[in-house]
C-alpha atoms as a PDB file:
ATOM      1  CA  UNK A   1      63.348  61.596 -74.448  1.00  0.00           C
ATOM      2  CA  UNK A   2      67.059  60.615 -74.792  1.00  0.00           C
ATOM      3  CA  UNK A   3      67.718  58.463 -77.813  1.00  0.00           C
ATOM      4  CA  UNK A   4      69.816  55.907 -75.880  1.00  0.00           C
ATOM      5  CA  UNK A   5      66.909  54.653 -73.682  1.00  0.00           C
ATOM      6  CA  UNK A   6      65.453  51.345 -74.810  1.00  0.00           C
ATOM      7  CA  UNK A   7      61.685  51.068 -74.609  1.00  0.00           C
ATOM      8  CA  UNK A   8      59.960  47.772 -73.736  1.00  0.00           C
ATOM      9  CA  UNK A   9      56.449  47.031 -74.976  1.00  0.00           C
ATOM     10  CA  UNK A  10      53.882  46.970 -72.177  1.00  0.00           C
ATOM     11  CA  UNK A  11      52.645  43.504 -73.096  1.00  0.00           C
ATOM     12  CA  UNK A  12      56.105  42.167 -72.198  1.00  0.00           C
ATOM     13  CA  UNK A  13      56.332  43.772 -68.738  1.00  0.00           C
ATOM     14  CA  UNK A  14      52.688  43.371 -67.690  1.00  0.00           C
ATOM     15  CA  UNK A  15      53.109  39.762 -66.399  1.00  0.00           C
ATOM     16  CA  UNK A  16      56.063  40.929 -64.305  1.00  0.00           C
ATOM     17  CA  UNK A  17      54.036  43.794 -62.826  1.00  0.00           C
ATOM     18  CA  UNK A  18      51.132  41.498 -61.997  1.00  0.00           C
ATOM     19  CA  UNK A  19      53.450  39.014 -60.311  1.00  0.00           C
ATOM     20  CA  UNK A  20      55.130  41.780 -58.299  1.00  0.00           C
ATOM     21  CA  UNK A  21      51.766  43.139 -57.152  1.00  0.00           C
ATOM     22  CA  UNK A  22      50.632  39.672 -56.080  1.00  0.00           C
ATOM     23  CA  UNK A  23      53.829  39.120 -54.140  1.00  0.00           C
ATOM     24  CA  UNK A  24      53.424  42.479 -52.363  1.00  0.00           C
ATOM     25  CA  UNK A  25      49.824  41.681 -51.445  1.00  0.00           C
ATOM     26  CA  UNK A  26      50.854  38.300 -50.055  1.00  0.00           C
ATOM     27  CA  UNK A  27      53.573  39.935 -48.000  1.00  0.00           C
ATOM     28  CA  UNK A  28      51.196  42.471 -46.533  1.00  0.00           C
ATOM     29  CA  UNK A  29      48.655  39.801 -45.675  1.00  0.00           C
ATOM     30  CA  UNK A  30      51.315  37.718 -43.971  1.00  0.00           C
ATOM     31  CA  UNK A  31      52.411  40.681 -41.864  1.00  0.00           C
ATOM     32  CA  UNK A  32      48.857  41.436 -40.742  1.00  0.00           C
ATOM     33  CA  UNK A  33      47.957  37.924 -39.663  1.00  0.00           C
ATOM     34  CA  UNK A  34      50.000  34.849 -38.911  1.00  0.00           C
ATOM     35  CA  UNK A  35      49.200  31.833 -41.094  1.00  0.00           C
ATOM     36  CA  UNK A  36      46.847  29.264 -39.639  1.00  0.00           C
ATOM     37  CA  UNK A  37      47.898  25.644 -39.215  1.00  0.00           C
ATOM     38  CA  UNK A  38      46.056  23.205 -41.410  1.00  0.00           C
ATOM     39  CA  UNK A  39      44.081  21.726 -38.498  1.00  0.00           C
ATOM     40  CA  UNK A  40      42.973  25.073 -36.967  1.00  0.00           C
ATOM     41  CA  UNK A  41      39.194  25.527 -36.782  1.00  0.00           C
ATOM     42  CA  UNK A  42      37.820  27.671 -39.538  1.00  0.00           C
ATOM     43  CA  UNK A  43      37.840  31.349 -38.692  1.00  0.00           C
ATOM     44  CA  UNK A  44      40.202  30.953 -35.722  1.00  0.00           C
ATOM     45  CA  UNK A  45      43.806  32.023 -35.732  1.00  0.00           C
ATOM     46  CA  UNK A  46      46.673  30.637 -33.727  1.00  0.00           C
ATOM     47  CA  UNK A  47      48.201  33.303 -31.488  1.00  0.00           C
ATOM     48  CA  UNK A  48      51.716  34.290 -32.315  1.00  0.00           C
ATOM     49  CA  UNK A  49      54.486  33.631 -29.846  1.00  0.00           C
ATOM     50  CA  UNK A  50      54.866  36.659 -27.551  1.00  0.00           C
ATOM     51  CA  UNK A  51      58.110  38.572 -27.826  1.00  0.00           C
ATOM     52  CA  UNK A  52      58.558  38.613 -24.035  1.00  0.00           C
ATOM     53  CA  UNK A  53      57.733  35.959 -21.480  1.00  0.00           C
ATOM     54  CA  UNK A  54      54.577  36.946 -19.534  1.00  0.00           C
ATOM     55  CA  UNK A  55      54.797  37.428 -15.789  1.00  0.00           C
ATOM     56  CA  UNK A  56      53.705  34.292 -13.990  1.00  0.00           C
ATOM     57  CA  UNK A  57      50.452  34.689 -12.037  1.00  0.00           C
ATOM     58  CA  UNK A  58      50.301  32.519  -8.923  1.00  0.00           C
ATOM     59  CA  UNK A  59      47.344  30.142  -8.776  1.00  0.00           C
ATOM     60  CA  UNK A  60      44.573  31.128  -6.394  1.00  0.00           C
ATOM     61  CA  UNK A  61      45.458  28.159  -4.173  1.00  0.00           C
ATOM     62  CA  UNK A  62      48.884  29.706  -3.526  1.00  0.00           C
ATOM     63  CA  UNK A  63      47.430  32.835  -1.894  1.00  0.00           C
ATOM     64  CA  UNK A  64      47.680  32.926   1.909  1.00  0.00           C
ATOM     65  CA  UNK A  65      43.917  33.011   2.558  1.00  0.00           C
ATOM     66  CA  UNK A  66      42.862  30.572  -0.155  1.00  0.00           C
ATOM     67  CA  UNK A  67      40.045  28.367   1.124  1.00  0.00           C
ATOM     68  CA  UNK A  68      39.278  30.708   4.050  1.00  0.00           C
ATOM     69  CA  UNK A  69      35.957  32.481   4.579  1.00  0.00           C
ATOM     70  CA  UNK A  70      35.733  35.826   6.345  1.00  0.00           C
ATOM     71  CA  UNK A  71      32.437  37.504   7.166  1.00  0.00           C
ATOM     72  CA  UNK A  72      32.572  41.297   7.429  1.00  0.00           C
ATOM     73  CA  UNK A  73      29.735  42.843   9.413  1.00  0.00           C
ATOM     74  CA  UNK A  74      29.364  46.587   8.655  1.00  0.00           C
ATOM     75  CA  UNK A  75      27.721  47.999  11.776  1.00  0.00           C
ATOM     76  CA  UNK A  76      24.198  49.430  11.457  1.00  0.00           C
ATOM     77  CA  UNK A  77      22.644  50.299   8.103  1.00  0.00           C
ATOM     78  CA  UNK A  78      22.343  53.689   6.364  1.00  0.00           C
ATOM     79  CA  UNK A  79      18.551  53.176   6.147  1.00  0.00           C
ATOM     80  CA  UNK A  80      17.943  52.295   9.803  1.00  0.00           C
ATOM     81  CA  UNK A  81      16.791  55.809  10.704  1.00  0.00           C
ATOM     82  CA  UNK A  82      13.834  55.434   8.344  1.00  0.00           C
ATOM     83  CA  UNK A  83      12.662  52.265  10.118  1.00  0.00           C
ATOM     84  CA  UNK A  84      12.661  53.071  13.818  1.00  0.00           C
ATOM     85  CA  UNK A  85       9.743  50.749  14.587  1.00  0.00           C
ATOM     86  CA  UNK A  86      11.442  47.764  13.008  1.00  0.00           C
ATOM     87  CA  UNK A  87      14.864  48.330  14.525  1.00  0.00           C
ATOM     88  CA  UNK A  88      13.389  48.968  17.973  1.00  0.00           C
ATOM     89  CA  UNK A  89      11.673  45.574  17.996  1.00  0.00           C
ATOM     90  CA  UNK A  90      13.198  43.277  20.611  1.00  0.00           C
ATOM     91  CA  UNK A  91      15.067  40.127  19.586  1.00  0.00           C
ATOM     92  CA  UNK A  92      16.629  37.308  21.584  1.00  0.00           C
ATOM     93  CA  UNK A  93      20.360  37.893  22.157  1.00  0.00           C
ATOM     94  CA  UNK A  94      20.852  34.597  23.978  1.00  0.00           C
ATOM     95  CA  UNK A  95      20.904  35.976  27.501  1.00  0.00           C
ATOM     96  CA  UNK A  96      18.212  38.623  27.206  1.00  0.00           C
ATOM     97  CA  UNK A  97      16.140  40.565  24.711  1.00  0.00           C
ATOM     98  CA  UNK A  98      17.479  43.664  23.035  1.00  0.00           C
ATOM     99  CA  UNK A  99      16.702  46.043  20.166  1.00  0.00           C
ATOM    100  CA  UNK A 100      17.038  44.591  16.668  1.00  0.00           C
ATOM    101  CA  UNK A 101      19.583  47.279  15.755  1.00  0.00           C
ATOM    102  CA  UNK A 102      20.259  51.001  16.187  1.00  0.00           C
ATOM    103  CA  UNK A 103      20.962  53.902  13.874  1.00  0.00           C
ATOM    104  CA  UNK A 104      24.531  54.186  15.154  1.00  0.00           C
ATOM    105  CA  UNK A 105      26.275  57.420  16.002  1.00  0.00           C
ATOM    106  CA  UNK A 106      27.780  60.297  13.962  1.00  0.00           C
ATOM    107  CA  UNK A 107      30.394  63.018  14.161  1.00  0.00           C
ATOM    108  CA  UNK A 108      29.333  66.467  15.320  1.00  0.00           C
ATOM    109  CA  UNK A 109      29.176  67.617  11.685  1.00  0.00           C
ATOM    110  CA  UNK A 110      27.021  64.700  10.567  1.00  0.00           C
ATOM    111  CA  UNK A 111      29.321  61.983   9.201  1.00  0.00           C
ATOM    112  CA  UNK A 112      27.374  58.842  10.061  1.00  0.00           C
ATOM    113  CA  UNK A 113      28.747  55.675  11.579  1.00  0.00           C
ATOM    114  CA  UNK A 114      26.707  53.602   9.115  1.00  0.00           C
ATOM    115  CA  UNK A 115      28.474  55.300   6.193  1.00  0.00           C
ATOM    116  CA  UNK A 116      31.856  54.910   7.864  1.00  0.00           C
ATOM    117  CA  UNK A 117      31.413  51.192   8.486  1.00  0.00           C
ATOM    118  CA  UNK A 118      30.418  50.466   4.893  1.00  0.00           C
ATOM    119  CA  UNK A 119      33.352  52.438   3.498  1.00  0.00           C
ATOM    120  CA  UNK A 120      35.907  50.654   5.679  1.00  0.00           C
ATOM    121  CA  UNK A 121      34.254  47.284   5.060  1.00  0.00           C
ATOM    122  CA  UNK A 122      34.503  47.717   1.277  1.00  0.00           C
ATOM    123  CA  UNK A 123      38.195  48.521   1.607  1.00  0.00           C
ATOM    124  CA  UNK A 124      38.689  45.532   3.903  1.00  0.00           C
ATOM    125  CA  UNK A 125      36.919  43.182   1.492  1.00  0.00           C
ATOM    126  CA  UNK A 126      39.211  44.206  -1.366  1.00  0.00           C
ATOM    127  CA  UNK A 127      42.332  43.604   0.715  1.00  0.00           C
ATOM    128  CA  UNK A 128      41.149  40.182   1.911  1.00  0.00           C
ATOM    129  CA  UNK A 129      40.055  39.039  -1.544  1.00  0.00           C
ATOM    130  CA  UNK A 130      43.487  39.980  -2.903  1.00  0.00           C
ATOM    131  CA  UNK A 131      44.866  37.427  -0.441  1.00  0.00           C
ATOM    132  CA  UNK A 132      42.500  34.712  -1.688  1.00  0.00           C
ATOM    133  CA  UNK A 133      39.782  34.875   0.973  1.00  0.00           C
ATOM    134  CA  UNK A 134      36.085  34.419   0.293  1.00  0.00           C
ATOM    135  CA  UNK A 135      34.439  37.480   1.855  1.00  0.00           C
ATOM    136  CA  UNK A 136      30.768  37.818   2.711  1.00  0.00           C
ATOM    137  CA  UNK A 137      28.904  40.834   4.092  1.00  0.00           C
ATOM    138  CA  UNK A 138      26.006  40.824   6.533  1.00  0.00           C
ATOM    139  CA  UNK A 139      24.651  43.870   4.698  1.00  0.00           C
ATOM    140  CA  UNK A 140      25.876  46.211   1.991  1.00  0.00           C
ATOM    141  CA  UNK A 141      23.301  48.978   2.172  1.00  0.00           C
ATOM    142  CA  UNK A 142      21.231  46.683  -0.026  1.00  0.00           C
ATOM    143  CA  UNK A 143      18.263  46.283   2.302  1.00  0.00           C
ATOM    144  CA  UNK A 144      15.937  48.847   3.910  1.00  0.00           C
ATOM    145  CA  UNK A 145      17.237  48.272   7.451  1.00  0.00           C
ATOM    146  CA  UNK A 146      19.165  45.808   9.598  1.00  0.00           C
ATOM    147  CA  UNK A 147      19.772  42.947   9.682  1.00  0.00           C
ATOM    148  CA  UNK A 148      18.956  42.494  13.343  1.00  0.00           C
ATOM    149  CA  UNK A 149      21.805  41.497  15.632  1.00  0.00           C
ATOM    150  CA  UNK A 150      20.640  37.882  15.893  1.00  0.00           C
ATOM    151  CA  UNK A 151      20.518  37.531  12.105  1.00  0.00           C
ATOM    152  CA  UNK A 152      23.995  39.055  11.812  1.00  0.00           C
ATOM    153  CA  UNK A 153      25.280  36.246  14.031  1.00  0.00           C
ATOM    154  CA  UNK A 154      23.460  33.603  11.995  1.00  0.00           C
ATOM    155  CA  UNK A 155      25.013  34.856   8.751  1.00  0.00           C
ATOM    156  CA  UNK A 156      28.496  34.171  10.087  1.00  0.00           C
ATOM    157  CA  UNK A 157      27.429  30.829  11.522  1.00  0.00           C
ATOM    158  CA  UNK A 158      25.829  29.634   8.277  1.00  0.00           C
ATOM    159  CA  UNK A 159      28.942  30.624   6.348  1.00  0.00           C
ATOM    160  CA  UNK A 160      31.061  28.516   8.735  1.00  0.00           C
ATOM    161  CA  UNK A 161      33.330  31.545   8.758  1.00  0.00           C
ATOM    162  CA  UNK A 162      36.936  31.233   9.835  1.00  0.00           C
ATOM    163  CA  UNK A 163      36.642  34.755  11.260  1.00  0.00           C
ATOM    164  CA  UNK A 164      33.970  37.425  11.607  1.00  0.00           C
ATOM    165  CA  UNK A 165      34.711  41.107  12.180  1.00  0.00           C
ATOM    166  CA  UNK A 166      31.988  43.615  13.011  1.00  0.00           C
ATOM    167  CA  UNK A 167      33.089  47.139  12.087  1.00  0.00           C
ATOM    168  CA  UNK A 168      31.958  50.089  14.219  1.00  0.00           C
ATOM    169  CA  UNK A 169      32.849  53.545  15.534  1.00  0.00           C
ATOM    170  CA  UNK A 170      31.979  54.678  19.040  1.00  0.00           C
ATOM    171  CA  UNK A 171      29.912  57.613  20.290  1.00  0.00           C
ATOM    172  CA  UNK A 172      31.435  58.393  23.670  1.00  0.00           C
ATOM    173  CA  UNK A 173      32.165  61.765  25.264  1.00  0.00           C
ATOM    174  CA  UNK A 174      34.675  64.302  23.973  1.00  0.00           C
ATOM    175  CA  UNK A 175      38.184  63.593  25.211  1.00  0.00           C
ATOM    176  CA  UNK A 176      37.636  59.841  25.116  1.00  0.00           C
ATOM    177  CA  UNK A 177      39.962  58.671  22.390  1.00  0.00           C
ATOM    178  CA  UNK A 178      41.315  55.594  20.692  1.00  0.00           C
ATOM    179  CA  UNK A 179      40.102  52.253  19.358  1.00  0.00           C
ATOM    180  CA  UNK A 180      39.131  49.072  21.141  1.00  0.00           C
ATOM    181  CA  UNK A 181      38.295  45.520  20.120  1.00  0.00           C
ATOM    182  CA  UNK A 182      35.360  43.792  21.833  1.00  0.00           C
ATOM    183  CA  UNK A 183      35.672  40.082  22.617  1.00  0.00           C
ATOM    184  CA  UNK A 184      32.866  37.669  23.554  1.00  0.00           C
ATOM    185  CA  UNK A 185      32.508  36.848  27.238  1.00  0.00           C
ATOM    186  CA  UNK A 186      32.196  33.260  28.386  1.00  0.00           C
ATOM    187  CA  UNK A 187      28.423  32.862  28.299  1.00  0.00           C
ATOM    188  CA  UNK A 188      26.255  29.760  28.542  1.00  0.00           C
ATOM    189  CA  UNK A 189      22.702  30.844  29.088  1.00  0.00           C
ATOM    190  CA  UNK A 190      19.625  30.223  26.995  1.00  0.00           C
ATOM    191  CA  UNK A 191      20.524  30.305  23.308  1.00  0.00           C
ATOM    192  CA  UNK A 192      24.021  31.610  24.043  1.00  0.00           C
ATOM    193  CA  UNK A 193      27.018  29.310  24.399  1.00  0.00           C
ATOM    194  CA  UNK A 194      30.351  30.926  23.628  1.00  0.00           C
ATOM    195  CA  UNK A 195      32.582  28.307  25.269  1.00  0.00           C
ATOM    196  CA  UNK A 196      34.076  27.154  21.960  1.00  0.00           C
ATOM    197  CA  UNK A 197      34.756  30.607  20.535  1.00  0.00           C
ATOM    198  CA  UNK A 198      36.085  32.697  23.416  1.00  0.00           C
ATOM    199  CA  UNK A 199      39.666  31.454  22.998  1.00  0.00           C
ATOM    200  CA  UNK A 200      39.878  31.787  19.196  1.00  0.00           C
ATOM    201  CA  UNK A 201      38.048  35.125  19.329  1.00  0.00           C
ATOM    202  CA  UNK A 202      40.572  36.478  21.821  1.00  0.00           C
ATOM    203  CA  UNK A 203      43.419  35.471  19.515  1.00  0.00           C
ATOM    204  CA  UNK A 204      41.652  37.126  16.581  1.00  0.00           C
ATOM    205  CA  UNK A 205      41.127  40.268  18.652  1.00  0.00           C
ATOM    206  CA  UNK A 206      44.750  40.425  19.792  1.00  0.00           C
ATOM    207  CA  UNK A 207      46.013  40.130  16.216  1.00  0.00           C
ATOM    208  CA  UNK A 208      43.630  42.846  15.003  1.00  0.00           C
ATOM    209  CA  UNK A 209      44.414  45.220  17.884  1.00  0.00           C
ATOM    210  CA  UNK A 210      48.155  44.968  17.296  1.00  0.00           C
ATOM    211  CA  UNK A 211      47.964  45.365  13.536  1.00  0.00           C
ATOM    212  CA  UNK A 212      45.401  48.166  13.736  1.00  0.00           C
ATOM    213  CA  UNK A 213      47.571  50.199  16.086  1.00  0.00           C
ATOM    214  CA  UNK A 214      50.598  49.744  13.820  1.00  0.00           C
ATOM    215  CA  UNK A 215      48.797  50.547  10.561  1.00  0.00           C
ATOM    216  CA  UNK A 216      46.806  53.578  11.755  1.00  0.00           C
ATOM    217  CA  UNK A 217      48.976  55.097  14.476  1.00  0.00           C
ATOM    218  CA  UNK A 218      45.812  55.384  16.576  1.00  0.00           C
ATOM    219  CA  UNK A 219      46.078  54.971  20.331  1.00  0.00           C
ATOM    220  CA  UNK A 220      44.359  52.172  22.180  1.00  0.00           C
ATOM    221  CA  UNK A 221      41.292  53.360  24.046  1.00  0.00           C
ATOM    222  CA  UNK A 222      41.846  55.599  27.053  1.00  0.00           C
ATOM    223  CA  UNK A 223      38.302  55.025  28.319  1.00  0.00           C
ATOM    224  CA  UNK A 224      37.488  51.346  27.675  1.00  0.00           C
ATOM    225  CA  UNK A 225      39.482  48.343  28.863  1.00  0.00           C
ATOM    226  CA  UNK A 226      42.823  48.280  30.616  1.00  0.00           C
ATOM    227  CA  UNK A 227      44.992  49.976  27.993  1.00  0.00           C
ATOM    228  CA  UNK A 228      45.405  46.863  25.836  1.00  0.00           C
ATOM    229  CA  UNK A 229      42.689  47.918  23.407  1.00  0.00           C
ATOM    230  CA  UNK A 230      40.693  44.808  24.332  1.00  0.00           C
ATOM    231  CA  UNK A 231      37.318  44.683  26.081  1.00  0.00           C
ATOM    232  CA  UNK A 232      35.084  41.723  26.988  1.00  0.00           C
ATOM    233  CA  UNK A 233      31.298  41.943  26.861  1.00  0.00           C
ATOM    234  CA  UNK A 234      28.437  39.525  27.358  1.00  0.00           C
ATOM    235  CA  UNK A 235      25.572  41.827  26.343  1.00  0.00           C
ATOM    236  CA  UNK A 236      25.998  41.821  22.566  1.00  0.00           C
ATOM    237  CA  UNK A 237      23.817  39.418  20.621  1.00  0.00           C
ATOM    238  CA  UNK A 238      26.188  39.424  17.668  1.00  0.00           C
ATOM    239  CA  UNK A 239      28.822  37.831  19.923  1.00  0.00           C
ATOM    240  CA  UNK A 240      26.613  35.774  22.248  1.00  0.00           C
ATOM    241  CA  UNK A 241      24.929  33.938  19.379  1.00  0.00           C
ATOM    242  CA  UNK A 242      28.041  33.373  17.293  1.00  0.00           C
ATOM    243  CA  UNK A 243      29.383  29.852  16.905  1.00  0.00           C
ATOM    244  CA  UNK A 244      32.482  30.994  14.997  1.00  0.00           C
ATOM    245  CA  UNK A 245      35.362  33.293  16.080  1.00  0.00           C
ATOM    246  CA  UNK A 246      34.062  36.856  16.092  1.00  0.00           C
ATOM    247  CA  UNK A 247      35.039  40.298  17.381  1.00  0.00           C
ATOM    248  CA  UNK A 248      33.787  43.859  17.171  1.00  0.00           C
ATOM    249  CA  UNK A 249      36.147  46.758  16.531  1.00  0.00           C
ATOM    250  CA  UNK A 250      35.288  50.304  17.588  1.00  0.00           C
ATOM    251  CA  UNK A 251      37.697  52.194  15.331  1.00  0.00           C
ATOM    252  CA  UNK A 252      37.539  55.469  17.248  1.00  0.00           C
ATOM    253  CA  UNK A 253      35.224  57.904  18.986  1.00  0.00           C
ATOM    254  CA  UNK A 254      33.152  59.933  16.534  1.00  0.00           C
ATOM    255  CA  UNK A 255      32.343  62.479  19.250  1.00  0.00           C
ATOM    256  CA  UNK A 256      35.962  63.420  19.869  1.00  0.00           C
ATOM    257  CA  UNK A 257      37.292  66.002  17.417  1.00  0.00           C
ATOM    258  CA  UNK A 258      40.731  64.388  17.038  1.00  0.00           C
ATOM    259  CA  UNK A 259      39.333  60.903  16.500  1.00  0.00           C
ATOM    260  CA  UNK A 260      36.627  62.268  14.201  1.00  0.00           C
ATOM    261  CA  UNK A 261      39.218  63.893  11.956  1.00  0.00           C
ATOM    262  CA  UNK A 262      40.841  60.495  11.471  1.00  0.00           C
ATOM    263  CA  UNK A 263      37.567  58.691  10.866  1.00  0.00           C
ATOM    264  CA  UNK A 264      36.544  61.196   8.177  1.00  0.00           C
ATOM    265  CA  UNK A 265      39.826  60.848   6.281  1.00  0.00           C
ATOM    266  CA  UNK A 266      39.747  58.420   3.305  1.00  0.00           C
ATOM    267  CA  UNK A 267      43.495  57.908   3.692  1.00  0.00           C
ATOM    268  CA  UNK A 268      43.104  56.946   7.331  1.00  0.00           C
ATOM    269  CA  UNK A 269      40.174  54.655   6.539  1.00  0.00           C
ATOM    270  CA  UNK A 270      42.403  52.796   4.091  1.00  0.00           C
ATOM    271  CA  UNK A 271      44.965  52.372   6.859  1.00  0.00           C
ATOM    272  CA  UNK A 272      42.214  51.135   9.174  1.00  0.00           C
ATOM    273  CA  UNK A 273      41.155  48.520   6.636  1.00  0.00           C
ATOM    274  CA  UNK A 274      44.773  47.477   6.142  1.00  0.00           C
ATOM    275  CA  UNK A 275      45.252  47.108   9.887  1.00  0.00           C
ATOM    276  CA  UNK A 276      42.194  44.877  10.170  1.00  0.00           C
ATOM    277  CA  UNK A 277      43.257  42.835   7.147  1.00  0.00           C
ATOM    278  CA  UNK A 278      46.756  42.323   8.546  1.00  0.00           C
ATOM    279  CA  UNK A 279      45.299  41.171  11.841  1.00  0.00           C
ATOM    280  CA  UNK A 280      42.921  38.713  10.172  1.00  0.00           C
ATOM    281  CA  UNK A 281      45.722  37.349   7.983  1.00  0.00           C
ATOM    282  CA  UNK A 282      47.989  36.922  10.989  1.00  0.00           C
ATOM    283  CA  UNK A 283      45.278  35.132  12.940  1.00  0.00           C
ATOM    284  CA  UNK A 284      44.293  32.788  10.095  1.00  0.00           C
ATOM    285  CA  UNK A 285      47.907  31.893   9.363  1.00  0.00           C
ATOM    286  CA  UNK A 286      48.342  30.904  12.996  1.00  0.00           C
ATOM    287  CA  UNK A 287      44.955  29.191  13.355  1.00  0.00           C
ATOM    288  CA  UNK A 288      44.529  25.502  12.478  1.00  0.00           C
END
C-alpha cells in the first residue's frame, strides 16, 4: 500500500455507509411505487399521471344506433334435420297453416344454409353492436330445432324491435343468380295484420338491398322480382305475424356454382354482413 494514503477507522465511516444505504433503498422504493396521499385507503395506491393523454372514448349514447334494438333471425337451425317430426308440424302463419320450419338448402358440395345464416348473423351482430345497437337472435344454434316461424315473429314483436332481418340463402335452379329482399305483403286476415309495417318494412328492404349490392358486388336476382332485388310475399309467417318492421334477405342461390362460391367465402360473408349492417344503419337513421 502507498505510504501517502490516509486510512480511516471503520467505526468512523460506518454511520455514513448506513445512511447512504438507507437513502439508496428509499430512492429505489420511490421509483417502484408512487407515494400514497395521507387520506388514501390502506393498501391502495393513487395512479400516477399518465405521460400521454389517453384517446377519448365516445360515450355509448353518442353511437349512431344507441337505444335501438335489432333482432337478427338466422334462418333455419343446424339441428333441424334431426327433428323432422317437430319441424313438419303445422303452425298458424296468420293466413293459413304451414310447417314449423324446414332444414333449409345447401350447396352441391354440402355447405348448409343453416351454417351460412349463423355465420353471417354473428358477423352482422358484431357490426351492429359496434354502432351501439342492442342485438337479439331468434336462435343461435343453442336449441335442438327451430324456433317455428310463428315464434320467430313473436321474438321480434316482444323485443319491440326497431328492425328485424331474417337471413337466408336460396335453393333455386342453376343459372338463377343474385340476391333478393322479401317484403311483407299487405295482409289482414285471421291473426295477420301487416298494415302498420308494410311501409317501414319496404324502406328497410330498400336500404338493405342498395347497401348489400354495393358492399358485396352481387347482382340483384335475375329470377325473382323485377330487377330491383325486392320481392313481396304474403305466405311467410315470419312476416305475416310481425308487428315490427321486418324483411327477409336471400343472399344468393346455393345451387348456382357462381353464387355458391361467394356464399362459401368468409371474406364475402363479411361483406354481406357489412352490407346488411349499412342498410340497417341507413334505415334507422332515417326512421323516426
